[in-house]
């Protein structure tokens, strides 16, 4: 890779959308959600923070340096790679033991994301966000809703134990990675900064919501679990219906 490409990768990791930007999102999450301080930083917490930063750096946010890397249009932001990094980071900070509900939410959320990629014929976050059609849009919205509801149930950010910095970084990175698939790609000045401001506002509102439902998430309340399951299941079903419709259209042609 040329020096400019290396510099852009460093900026993506250290500044935006990873590093400093993610740190700011984590601070908003910590303050908004009222997360307890927890333990001091240890190797597990540092590993979780590192994985979260890399996951956020992959996200195709407006103005990300990765969009300037070759090939034309930018390096491919692989959604599955970003999600796996977030899951790995979450597993390092989430409290044990893992209930069947939490494992089920992770599995069903993963299935909905895989079907999103199959529907877009690519696991690139940019291609998934650019997929046209009302069913594709509905699938993305349902998948995002299911993941955002499941996130506090799975990670349990209000639970004491892991470092608050690690928990906040994992939650912030998860929100950034998930919301990136509903932001239309290719945003330019002056619209691109507005999308970033909207993302920051979304993280702040999500953090306040975490504060309001912390008792319910700590107890894995059945209603929240049901909402997360139903959204992810609806996303999976909608993706299958959309793919069947697309296949029948190809047969007619």
C-alpha atoms as a PDB file:
ATOM      1  CA  UNK A   1       0.000   0.000   0.000  1.00  0.00           C
ATOM      2  CA  UNK A   2       1.255   3.538  -0.799  1.00  0.00           C
ATOM      3  CA  UNK A   3       2.060   5.982   2.022  1.00  0.00           C
ATOM      4  CA  UNK A   4      -1.174   7.925   1.471  1.00  0.00           C
ATOM      5  CA  UNK A   5      -3.243   4.763   1.784  1.00  0.00           C
ATOM      6  CA  UNK A   6      -1.424   3.831   4.972  1.00  0.00           C
ATOM      7  CA  UNK A   7      -2.013   7.329   6.362  1.00  0.00           C
ATOM      8  CA  UNK A   8      -5.740   7.099   5.596  1.00  0.00           C
ATOM      9  CA  UNK A   9      -5.955   3.751   7.386  1.00  0.00           C
ATOM     10  CA  UNK A  10      -4.200   5.228  10.416  1.00  0.00           C
ATOM     11  CA  UNK A  11      -6.630   8.166  10.409  1.00  0.00           C
ATOM     12  CA  UNK A  12      -9.595   5.788  10.200  1.00  0.00           C
ATOM     13  CA  UNK A  13      -8.332   3.825  13.192  1.00  0.00           C
ATOM     14  CA  UNK A  14      -7.044   6.696  15.314  1.00  0.00           C
ATOM     15  CA  UNK A  15      -9.427   9.545  14.528  1.00  0.00           C
ATOM     16  CA  UNK A  16     -12.583   8.880  12.477  1.00  0.00           C
ATOM     17  CA  UNK A  17     -14.659   6.741  12.525  1.00  0.00           C
ATOM     18  CA  UNK A  18     -12.556   4.858  15.086  1.00  0.00           C
ATOM     19  CA  UNK A  19     -10.293   6.272  17.779  1.00  0.00           C
ATOM     20  CA  UNK A  20     -11.207   9.782  18.844  1.00  0.00           C
ATOM     21  CA  UNK A  21     -14.658   9.777  17.266  1.00  0.00           C
ATOM     22  CA  UNK A  22     -15.593   6.461  18.845  1.00  0.00           C
ATOM     23  CA  UNK A  23     -14.179   7.663  22.164  1.00  0.00           C
ATOM     24  CA  UNK A  24     -16.519  10.651  22.003  1.00  0.00           C
ATOM     25  CA  UNK A  25     -19.446   8.343  21.233  1.00  0.00           C
ATOM     26  CA  UNK A  26     -18.434   6.152  24.176  1.00  0.00           C
ATOM     27  CA  UNK A  27     -18.333   9.197  26.484  1.00  0.00           C
ATOM     28  CA  UNK A  28     -21.837  10.177  25.337  1.00  0.00           C
ATOM     29  CA  UNK A  29     -22.975   6.603  25.955  1.00  0.00           C
ATOM     30  CA  UNK A  30     -21.428   6.530  29.421  1.00  0.00           C
ATOM     31  CA  UNK A  31     -22.962   9.840  30.478  1.00  0.00           C
ATOM     32  CA  UNK A  32     -26.329   9.302  28.825  1.00  0.00           C
ATOM     33  CA  UNK A  33     -26.836   5.729  29.991  1.00  0.00           C
ATOM     34  CA  UNK A  34     -25.420   6.359  33.468  1.00  0.00           C
ATOM     35  CA  UNK A  35     -23.113   3.358  33.300  1.00  0.00           C
ATOM     36  CA  UNK A  36     -21.436   2.355  36.587  1.00  0.00           C
ATOM     37  CA  UNK A  37     -17.648   2.683  36.667  1.00  0.00           C
ATOM     38  CA  UNK A  38     -16.893  -1.004  37.191  1.00  0.00           C
ATOM     39  CA  UNK A  39     -13.401  -2.478  37.386  1.00  0.00           C
ATOM     40  CA  UNK A  40     -10.117  -0.957  36.250  1.00  0.00           C
ATOM     41  CA  UNK A  41      -8.821  -1.569  32.748  1.00  0.00           C
ATOM     42  CA  UNK A  42      -7.305  -5.008  32.286  1.00  0.00           C
ATOM     43  CA  UNK A  43      -6.173  -7.075  29.300  1.00  0.00           C
ATOM     44  CA  UNK A  44      -9.721  -8.223  28.484  1.00  0.00           C
ATOM     45  CA  UNK A  45     -11.006  -4.652  28.571  1.00  0.00           C
ATOM     46  CA  UNK A  46      -8.134  -3.403  26.410  1.00  0.00           C
ATOM     47  CA  UNK A  47      -8.735  -6.196  23.893  1.00  0.00           C
ATOM     48  CA  UNK A  48     -12.430  -5.287  23.790  1.00  0.00           C
ATOM     49  CA  UNK A  49     -11.606  -1.612  23.210  1.00  0.00           C
ATOM     50  CA  UNK A  50      -9.180  -2.523  20.421  1.00  0.00           C
ATOM     51  CA  UNK A  51     -11.730  -4.736  18.674  1.00  0.00           C
ATOM     52  CA  UNK A  52     -14.398  -2.036  19.022  1.00  0.00           C
ATOM     53  CA  UNK A  53     -12.131   0.603  17.468  1.00  0.00           C
ATOM     54  CA  UNK A  54     -11.319  -1.606  14.478  1.00  0.00           C
ATOM     55  CA  UNK A  55     -15.014  -2.461  14.012  1.00  0.00           C
ATOM     56  CA  UNK A  56     -15.975   1.218  14.020  1.00  0.00           C
ATOM     57  CA  UNK A  57     -13.132   2.073  11.624  1.00  0.00           C
ATOM     58  CA  UNK A  58     -14.598  -0.425   9.127  1.00  0.00           C
ATOM     59  CA  UNK A  59     -18.030   1.243   9.203  1.00  0.00           C
ATOM     60  CA  UNK A  60     -18.704   3.228   5.988  1.00  0.00           C
ATOM     61  CA  UNK A  61     -19.736   6.478   7.650  1.00  0.00           C
ATOM     62  CA  UNK A  62     -19.930   9.664   5.550  1.00  0.00           C
ATOM     63  CA  UNK A  63     -16.466  11.090   4.999  1.00  0.00           C
ATOM     64  CA  UNK A  64     -14.603   8.012   6.229  1.00  0.00           C
ATOM     65  CA  UNK A  65     -10.989   7.883   4.974  1.00  0.00           C
ATOM     66  CA  UNK A  66     -11.565   4.295   3.777  1.00  0.00           C
ATOM     67  CA  UNK A  67     -13.707   5.708   0.959  1.00  0.00           C
ATOM     68  CA  UNK A  68     -10.535   7.245  -0.535  1.00  0.00           C
ATOM     69  CA  UNK A  69      -8.625   3.976  -0.646  1.00  0.00           C
ATOM     70  CA  UNK A  70      -8.372   1.887  -3.829  1.00  0.00           C
ATOM     71  CA  UNK A  71     -10.328   0.418  -5.566  1.00  0.00           C
ATOM     72  CA  UNK A  72     -12.394   3.362  -6.850  1.00  0.00           C
ATOM     73  CA  UNK A  73     -15.144   4.076  -4.351  1.00  0.00           C
ATOM     74  CA  UNK A  74     -13.086   2.955  -1.398  1.00  0.00           C
ATOM     75  CA  UNK A  75     -12.039  -0.223   0.346  1.00  0.00           C
ATOM     76  CA  UNK A  76     -14.827  -2.737   0.925  1.00  0.00           C
ATOM     77  CA  UNK A  77     -16.313  -2.303   4.433  1.00  0.00           C
ATOM     78  CA  UNK A  78     -17.231  -5.893   5.281  1.00  0.00           C
ATOM     79  CA  UNK A  79     -20.263  -5.995   7.572  1.00  0.00           C
ATOM     80  CA  UNK A  80     -19.633  -9.534   8.778  1.00  0.00           C
ATOM     81  CA  UNK A  81     -16.053  -8.681   9.792  1.00  0.00           C
ATOM     82  CA  UNK A  82     -17.261  -5.607  11.707  1.00  0.00           C
ATOM     83  CA  UNK A  83     -20.030  -7.575  13.432  1.00  0.00           C
ATOM     84  CA  UNK A  84     -17.668 -10.399  14.400  1.00  0.00           C
ATOM     85  CA  UNK A  85     -15.318  -7.842  15.952  1.00  0.00           C
ATOM     86  CA  UNK A  86     -18.207  -6.302  17.894  1.00  0.00           C
ATOM     87  CA  UNK A  87     -19.397  -9.724  19.068  1.00  0.00           C
ATOM     88  CA  UNK A  88     -15.859 -10.615  20.177  1.00  0.00           C
ATOM     89  CA  UNK A  89     -15.571  -7.312  22.033  1.00  0.00           C
ATOM     90  CA  UNK A  90     -18.982  -7.796  23.627  1.00  0.00           C
ATOM     91  CA  UNK A  91     -18.107 -11.294  24.792  1.00  0.00           C
ATOM     92  CA  UNK A  92     -15.101  -9.861  26.633  1.00  0.00           C
ATOM     93  CA  UNK A  93     -17.137  -7.345  28.646  1.00  0.00           C
ATOM     94  CA  UNK A  94     -20.530  -9.065  28.988  1.00  0.00           C
ATOM     95  CA  UNK A  95     -21.175 -10.730  32.349  1.00  0.00           C
ATOM     96  CA  UNK A  96     -21.280 -14.509  32.744  1.00  0.00           C
ATOM     97  CA  UNK A  97     -23.117 -16.812  32.617  1.00  0.00           C
ATOM     98  CA  UNK A  98     -24.800 -16.359  29.238  1.00  0.00           C
ATOM     99  CA  UNK A  99     -28.485 -17.272  29.331  1.00  0.00           C
ATOM    100  CA  UNK A 100     -30.246 -19.077  26.498  1.00  0.00           C
ATOM    101  CA  UNK A 101     -32.082 -15.856  25.698  1.00  0.00           C
ATOM    102  CA  UNK A 102     -28.862 -13.933  25.173  1.00  0.00           C
ATOM    103  CA  UNK A 103     -27.330 -16.681  23.029  1.00  0.00           C
ATOM    104  CA  UNK A 104     -30.538 -16.898  21.003  1.00  0.00           C
ATOM    105  CA  UNK A 105     -30.584 -13.146  20.394  1.00  0.00           C
ATOM    106  CA  UNK A 106     -26.998 -13.227  19.115  1.00  0.00           C
ATOM    107  CA  UNK A 107     -27.770 -16.145  16.790  1.00  0.00           C
ATOM    108  CA  UNK A 108     -30.970 -14.687  15.348  1.00  0.00           C
ATOM    109  CA  UNK A 109     -29.413 -11.246  14.933  1.00  0.00           C
ATOM    110  CA  UNK A 110     -26.512 -12.828  13.059  1.00  0.00           C
ATOM    111  CA  UNK A 111     -28.891 -14.723  10.783  1.00  0.00           C
ATOM    112  CA  UNK A 112     -30.756 -11.517   9.911  1.00  0.00           C
ATOM    113  CA  UNK A 113     -27.467  -9.822   8.968  1.00  0.00           C
ATOM    114  CA  UNK A 114     -26.339 -12.764   6.841  1.00  0.00           C
ATOM    115  CA  UNK A 115     -29.658 -12.673   4.980  1.00  0.00           C
ATOM    116  CA  UNK A 116     -29.199  -8.925   4.448  1.00  0.00           C
ATOM    117  CA  UNK A 117     -25.899  -9.685   2.745  1.00  0.00           C
ATOM    118  CA  UNK A 118     -27.444 -12.416   0.594  1.00  0.00           C
ATOM    119  CA  UNK A 119     -30.244 -10.047  -0.395  1.00  0.00           C
ATOM    120  CA  UNK A 120     -27.714  -7.396  -1.452  1.00  0.00           C
ATOM    121  CA  UNK A 121     -25.521 -10.075  -3.121  1.00  0.00           C
ATOM    122  CA  UNK A 122     -22.654  -8.722  -1.037  1.00  0.00           C
ATOM    123  CA  UNK A 123     -21.531  -8.477   2.567  1.00  0.00           C
ATOM    124  CA  UNK A 124     -20.220  -4.975   1.992  1.00  0.00           C
ATOM    125  CA  UNK A 125     -21.932  -2.535   4.356  1.00  0.00           C
ATOM    126  CA  UNK A 126     -21.988  -0.006   1.512  1.00  0.00           C
ATOM    127  CA  UNK A 127     -23.748  -2.398  -0.881  1.00  0.00           C
ATOM    128  CA  UNK A 128     -26.257  -3.400   1.801  1.00  0.00           C
ATOM    129  CA  UNK A 129     -27.029   0.252   2.564  1.00  0.00           C
ATOM    130  CA  UNK A 130     -27.402   0.963  -1.170  1.00  0.00           C
ATOM    131  CA  UNK A 131     -29.757  -1.969  -1.872  1.00  0.00           C
ATOM    132  CA  UNK A 132     -32.888  -0.599  -3.533  1.00  0.00           C
ATOM    133  CA  UNK A 133     -36.510  -1.583  -3.066  1.00  0.00           C
ATOM    134  CA  UNK A 134     -39.039  -1.224  -0.288  1.00  0.00           C
ATOM    135  CA  UNK A 135     -38.496  -4.785   0.957  1.00  0.00           C
ATOM    136  CA  UNK A 136     -34.732  -4.239   1.220  1.00  0.00           C
ATOM    137  CA  UNK A 137     -35.308  -1.046   3.187  1.00  0.00           C
ATOM    138  CA  UNK A 138     -37.836  -2.781   5.447  1.00  0.00           C
ATOM    139  CA  UNK A 139     -35.376  -5.625   6.042  1.00  0.00           C
ATOM    140  CA  UNK A 140     -32.613  -3.223   7.047  1.00  0.00           C
ATOM    141  CA  UNK A 141     -34.873  -1.267   9.398  1.00  0.00           C
ATOM    142  CA  UNK A 142     -36.187  -4.425  11.077  1.00  0.00           C
ATOM    143  CA  UNK A 143     -32.698  -5.890  11.422  1.00  0.00           C
ATOM    144  CA  UNK A 144     -31.345  -2.663  12.929  1.00  0.00           C
ATOM    145  CA  UNK A 145     -34.283  -2.405  15.343  1.00  0.00           C
ATOM    146  CA  UNK A 146     -33.816  -5.998  16.479  1.00  0.00           C
ATOM    147  CA  UNK A 147     -30.086  -5.548  17.027  1.00  0.00           C
ATOM    148  CA  UNK A 148     -30.450  -2.297  18.940  1.00  0.00           C
ATOM    149  CA  UNK A 149     -33.057  -3.817  21.254  1.00  0.00           C
ATOM    150  CA  UNK A 150     -30.948  -6.947  21.732  1.00  0.00           C
ATOM    151  CA  UNK A 151     -27.678  -5.067  22.372  1.00  0.00           C
ATOM    152  CA  UNK A 152     -28.258  -4.073  26.032  1.00  0.00           C
ATOM    153  CA  UNK A 153     -29.794  -7.470  26.770  1.00  0.00           C
ATOM    154  CA  UNK A 154     -26.720  -9.267  25.460  1.00  0.00           C
ATOM    155  CA  UNK A 155     -23.904  -6.970  26.615  1.00  0.00           C
ATOM    156  CA  UNK A 156     -25.571  -5.862  29.867  1.00  0.00           C
ATOM    157  CA  UNK A 157     -23.649  -2.547  29.956  1.00  0.00           C
ATOM    158  CA  UNK A 158     -25.182  -1.538  33.316  1.00  0.00           C
ATOM    159  CA  UNK A 159     -23.912  -4.670  35.039  1.00  0.00           C
ATOM    160  CA  UNK A 160     -20.944  -4.127  37.360  1.00  0.00           C
ATOM    161  CA  UNK A 161     -17.709  -5.847  36.516  1.00  0.00           C
ATOM    162  CA  UNK A 162     -15.876  -4.894  33.345  1.00  0.00           C
ATOM    163  CA  UNK A 163     -14.354  -1.458  32.858  1.00  0.00           C
ATOM    164  CA  UNK A 164     -16.908   1.220  32.046  1.00  0.00           C
ATOM    165  CA  UNK A 165     -14.626   2.455  29.250  1.00  0.00           C
ATOM    166  CA  UNK A 166     -14.699  -0.962  27.603  1.00  0.00           C
ATOM    167  CA  UNK A 167     -18.459  -1.369  28.001  1.00  0.00           C
ATOM    168  CA  UNK A 168     -19.168   2.104  26.643  1.00  0.00           C
ATOM    169  CA  UNK A 169     -16.825   1.587  23.682  1.00  0.00           C
ATOM    170  CA  UNK A 170     -18.460  -1.724  22.807  1.00  0.00           C
ATOM    171  CA  UNK A 171     -21.961  -0.241  22.930  1.00  0.00           C
ATOM    172  CA  UNK A 172     -20.934   2.816  20.903  1.00  0.00           C
ATOM    173  CA  UNK A 173     -19.136   0.720  18.277  1.00  0.00           C
ATOM    174  CA  UNK A 174     -22.134  -1.602  17.994  1.00  0.00           C
ATOM    175  CA  UNK A 175     -24.490   1.311  17.382  1.00  0.00           C
ATOM    176  CA  UNK A 176     -22.138   2.857  14.808  1.00  0.00           C
ATOM    177  CA  UNK A 177     -21.703  -0.420  12.889  1.00  0.00           C
ATOM    178  CA  UNK A 178     -25.434  -1.167  12.899  1.00  0.00           C
ATOM    179  CA  UNK A 179     -26.626   2.323  11.947  1.00  0.00           C
ATOM    180  CA  UNK A 180     -24.083   2.488   9.108  1.00  0.00           C
ATOM    181  CA  UNK A 181     -26.219   0.089   7.047  1.00  0.00           C
ATOM    182  CA  UNK A 182     -29.159   2.518   7.006  1.00  0.00           C
ATOM    183  CA  UNK A 183     -27.107   5.576   5.996  1.00  0.00           C
ATOM    184  CA  UNK A 184     -27.208   6.032   2.200  1.00  0.00           C
ATOM    185  CA  UNK A 185     -23.666   5.674   0.810  1.00  0.00           C
ATOM    186  CA  UNK A 186     -21.838   8.303  -1.195  1.00  0.00           C
ATOM    187  CA  UNK A 187     -22.925  11.305   0.856  1.00  0.00           C
ATOM    188  CA  UNK A 188     -21.005  14.478  -0.002  1.00  0.00           C
ATOM    189  CA  UNK A 189     -20.586  17.962   1.439  1.00  0.00           C
ATOM    190  CA  UNK A 190     -22.728  19.629   2.775  1.00  0.00           C
ATOM    191  CA  UNK A 191     -25.058  16.664   3.398  1.00  0.00           C
ATOM    192  CA  UNK A 192     -22.439  14.269   4.797  1.00  0.00           C
ATOM    193  CA  UNK A 193     -21.800  16.238   8.023  1.00  0.00           C
ATOM    194  CA  UNK A 194     -25.546  16.327   8.659  1.00  0.00           C
ATOM    195  CA  UNK A 195     -25.635  12.520   8.626  1.00  0.00           C
ATOM    196  CA  UNK A 196     -22.738  12.431  11.099  1.00  0.00           C
ATOM    197  CA  UNK A 197     -24.562  14.896  13.375  1.00  0.00           C
ATOM    198  CA  UNK A 198     -27.644  12.700  13.091  1.00  0.00           C
ATOM    199  CA  UNK A 199     -25.560   9.669  14.058  1.00  0.00           C
ATOM    200  CA  UNK A 200     -24.202  11.454  17.130  1.00  0.00           C
ATOM    201  CA  UNK A 201     -27.739  12.484  18.109  1.00  0.00           C
ATOM    202  CA  UNK A 202     -28.907   8.882  17.632  1.00  0.00           C
ATOM    203  CA  UNK A 203     -26.175   7.596  19.939  1.00  0.00           C
ATOM    204  CA  UNK A 204     -27.169  10.169  22.569  1.00  0.00           C
ATOM    205  CA  UNK A 205     -30.861   9.242  22.351  1.00  0.00           C
ATOM    206  CA  UNK A 206     -30.001   5.543  22.483  1.00  0.00           C
ATOM    207  CA  UNK A 207     -27.903   6.130  25.595  1.00  0.00           C
ATOM    208  CA  UNK A 208     -30.814   7.892  27.296  1.00  0.00           C
ATOM    209  CA  UNK A 209     -33.065   4.984  26.338  1.00  0.00           C
ATOM    210  CA  UNK A 210     -30.576   2.586  27.953  1.00  0.00           C
ATOM    211  CA  UNK A 211     -30.844   4.601  31.151  1.00  0.00           C
ATOM    212  CA  UNK A 212     -34.652   4.347  31.096  1.00  0.00           C
ATOM    213  CA  UNK A 213     -34.771   0.588  30.497  1.00  0.00           C
ATOM    214  CA  UNK A 214     -31.745  -0.487  32.550  1.00  0.00           C
ATOM    215  CA  UNK A 215     -33.853  -2.397  35.082  1.00  0.00           C
ATOM    216  CA  UNK A 216     -35.647  -4.265  32.308  1.00  0.00           C
ATOM    217  CA  UNK A 217     -32.426  -5.107  30.468  1.00  0.00           C
ATOM    218  CA  UNK A 218     -30.683  -6.266  33.648  1.00  0.00           C
ATOM    219  CA  UNK A 219     -33.523  -8.704  34.256  1.00  0.00           C
ATOM    220  CA  UNK A 220     -33.773  -9.710  30.573  1.00  0.00           C
ATOM    221  CA  UNK A 221     -37.429  -8.673  30.598  1.00  0.00           C
ATOM    222  CA  UNK A 222     -39.602 -10.891  28.429  1.00  0.00           C
ATOM    223  CA  UNK A 223     -41.131  -7.978  26.528  1.00  0.00           C
ATOM    224  CA  UNK A 224     -37.740  -6.674  25.377  1.00  0.00           C
ATOM    225  CA  UNK A 225     -36.574 -10.157  24.453  1.00  0.00           C
ATOM    226  CA  UNK A 226     -39.791 -10.693  22.476  1.00  0.00           C
ATOM    227  CA  UNK A 227     -39.406  -7.386  20.616  1.00  0.00           C
ATOM    228  CA  UNK A 228     -35.803  -8.171  19.682  1.00  0.00           C
ATOM    229  CA  UNK A 229     -36.707 -11.695  18.556  1.00  0.00           C
ATOM    230  CA  UNK A 230     -39.712 -10.520  16.530  1.00  0.00           C
ATOM    231  CA  UNK A 231     -37.781  -7.738  14.775  1.00  0.00           C
ATOM    232  CA  UNK A 232     -34.889 -10.031  13.833  1.00  0.00           C
ATOM    233  CA  UNK A 233     -37.270 -12.788  12.765  1.00  0.00           C
ATOM    234  CA  UNK A 234     -39.333 -10.339  10.708  1.00  0.00           C
ATOM    235  CA  UNK A 235     -36.136  -9.078   9.071  1.00  0.00           C
ATOM    236  CA  UNK A 236     -35.138 -12.633   8.163  1.00  0.00           C
ATOM    237  CA  UNK A 237     -38.584 -13.451   6.758  1.00  0.00           C
ATOM    238  CA  UNK A 238     -38.734 -10.199   4.788  1.00  0.00           C
ATOM    239  CA  UNK A 239     -35.284 -10.882   3.314  1.00  0.00           C
ATOM    240  CA  UNK A 240     -36.389 -14.364   2.199  1.00  0.00           C
ATOM    241  CA  UNK A 241     -39.594 -12.984   0.653  1.00  0.00           C
ATOM    242  CA  UNK A 242     -37.630 -10.281  -1.186  1.00  0.00           C
ATOM    243  CA  UNK A 243     -35.156 -12.839  -2.537  1.00  0.00           C
ATOM    244  CA  UNK A 244     -37.968 -15.153  -3.687  1.00  0.00           C
ATOM    245  CA  UNK A 245     -39.614 -12.232  -5.460  1.00  0.00           C
ATOM    246  CA  UNK A 246     -36.349 -11.281  -7.105  1.00  0.00           C
ATOM    247  CA  UNK A 247     -35.756 -14.858  -8.260  1.00  0.00           C
ATOM    248  CA  UNK A 248     -39.241 -15.105  -9.777  1.00  0.00           C
ATOM    249  CA  UNK A 249     -38.671 -11.829 -11.634  1.00  0.00           C
ATOM    250  CA  UNK A 250     -35.424 -13.202 -13.078  1.00  0.00           C
ATOM    251  CA  UNK A 251     -37.231 -16.351 -14.235  1.00  0.00           C
ATOM    252  CA  UNK A 252     -39.860 -14.285 -16.055  1.00  0.00           C
ATOM    253  CA  UNK A 253     -37.141 -12.375 -17.854  1.00  0.00           C
END
